[in-house]
Amino acid sequence: MLWVVLLAKRRTHIGTSRYLRCIARFHIMEENNDAFLLPTSLLDSSDGKYYYKPDTLSFYTMPSYRNMALSMFLLSLKNTGTLGFGLRTTSSSIATSARRTISSNTSPLYSTAAVEATADEKKKETSSNIPIKNEQAYSKVKMDDIVSLCKRRGIIFPSSEIYNGFAGFFDYGPLGSELKRNVKDAFWTNFVQCREDVVGIDSSIIHNPTTWQSSGHLDGFSDPMVDCKETKLRYRADQLFCAPVILEEDDTTVGYVCVMEANDDDMKKAAKTQAKKLLREQDKKGQKIKSFDFVDLTQIDEETMAKVPSPGSGTPTLTMPRDFNLMFQTQVGAQTDASSLAYLRPETAQGIFINYKNVLGTSRQKLPFGIAQIGKAFRNEITPRNFIFRSREFEQMEIEYFIPPGDDVWGPYHEKWIADARAFLESVGLKDELMGYDVHEGDGLAHYARACTDITFKFPFGEQELMGIAARGNFDLTSHTEGSGKGTSYFVCVYCAT
C-alpha cells in the first residue's frame, strides 16, 4: 500500500501560498496539525494534482431551536431560575429587597448593626413566602397547561390569533423573544466565539432550486402520509400506532385500536377507551384483554390496514401510506411558470455546504474546522403537533464540521461532538436525568450516514430527539460538486512515502 503525507496548502491574505515541510517519513517539522496520513485510494489525481473531499460531521438541533427552547421552558417548571430571560426567583427577590433596605438606611444616623437587623427582619418576613419545591411537578405537567401558561405570560402566542390562528405557526412574545435570543446567544458563544476551529455564516433562505435536486431533497425529503377517506383528514403514518385487541380467554383478535403518538401512559389510556367501545359493540363487555403491542402504520400490510380504524371516523377508512414532500414552494420573479419555481429551505445545512469553498478560501481555516449557522427553516408538516416541537416554521442551530477522510478518522470526532453537545445542554440548565441517547442503526440510518446519535429529552408527550450528531461522510460535498460542476475539493501538497 502506498501512503502519502498530505500537507495543506493555505492562502494568505496577500495571495501567496505557504507549504509546510516534512522531514523523515511522517514527522512534521512545524508544531501545528496541518498534516494527515492517508492512503492514495482516498485521493483524486486525475489531473496530476492531488485532492480529497473532507468528511463531514453534522451537529444540529433536532429538528431545530424549538425543541431546546421547549425543553428549557419545561425545566423551569421543575427548577425555578433555570431560564435567563428576566424572571426573578424568590431568592433573588429577597436579595434585591435586602439591598434596597441597606441602601436606604446607610445614613450616618444609623449604625451597621441597625442596618443588618433591618435586612434580617426583611428576610424573615419574606422567607415564609418561599414555595416548597415539588419534585413530582414535572412528571405531572400536561402540554395544555404549558400552552396556556405561555400565552398568559407573554412567552408564545398562536400566530395570526385574531384571525383564528394558523396551524403550525407561532409568535414569540416579550418573554419568549428574550428566551429565544438567550438560547441562540448561548449556542453561538459556546460553539463559535469560544472556539478557534468554528466560524459562522448566515446564508439566504431561498437557494438556487438545483441545490435541492443535488442534495436529494426534491426526491427524498418526505414523510409517509395516510388519508382518511371519510373525513379527508391527513396523518403522518409513523405517528399513528395501531394494536390488535386480543382476548385473554381464547387469544381471539376482536379488532384493532389506533392512537396518535404520545407518551406511553396517554397512548395506553386512549387505546383502552377504544377497546372498551369495541367490546361493547361486540357484546363482550367486561372481558379481559391482553396488553397492547403498538406498531406504527408504516409497518403493517394492506390486509391489516383494512381493519385499523381512522382517528377521524372511528372506522377503517385509512389509505395505505404514501410519500409527501415537506418542502414549501414559492415563485421568484415576475413570471409564474416552471422556471420561477423555488423552495423555502427545509434545513440550514445546505447553505453551509454550498458556501464551503468560499469560507475555506476567506477564513484561512484548515482541517479540521466547522461552519455554524443559525437561521429559519420551513417544513410543510402533515400534522403539526405538540406545540412548538413540530411546527412549520422554526429556527435551526447547526454546525457542519469538516474532517480528514478515512474510515478510521471520523470515530473519535463523532464521540467528541456527542460529549460536547451533552456538556452544552447541561451548561444551559438541562438536567442529566431528563436526557438520554438514541443511537441509529441499520435501517434507521440515512443512506449516506456512517453513524448518527440523537440526544433525547423527556417531554410531557414522550421522549423525543433534542439534538443530533451525524457522521455524513463526503456525501454532501460530492453531490454539490457533481450538481454544480464546481469543485469543492481540498487541495494538498503531497510527499510520497513507501
Foldseek 3Di string as FASTA:
>chain_A
DWKWKWAFWFADPVGDIDTFDAPDGHHGPDDDDRIDIDHCVQWDCPPPFTWHFFFKKKWWWVVAVLLLLVLQVLVCQQPPPLFDQDDDALVVVLVVVLVVQLVVPVDPVDDPVRSVVVSVVSCVVSVVVHDDRDNCRSLPDDLVVVVVVCVVVQAKDAPPVVVVGDAQDIDGGSSNVSRSVVSVVLLCCQPPVVDPFEHEDAFDQWDDQLLCVLVVQVPPQWFWKKAQPPVRAIDGQQQKKKWFWAFPPPRDTQAMEIDGAFAPVVRQVRRVVLVQVSCVVVVNHPTDTDGTDIDTLLPDDPVNLQGYADPVPRHSRMDRIDIDRFWDWDFDDDDDDPVRIITGAQGCVSVCLVCLQVCSRPVSHHPFHKYKYKDKHATNDSHADSPNSRGGIHIMTMMMTTHHDDPPTCVVVLVVVVVSVVVSSVVSPRDPVQKDKDWQDDPRDDPQWPTKMFIWGQHNGGIDGTMMITRRTSSSQVSVCVSVVDHPIRGTDIDIDD
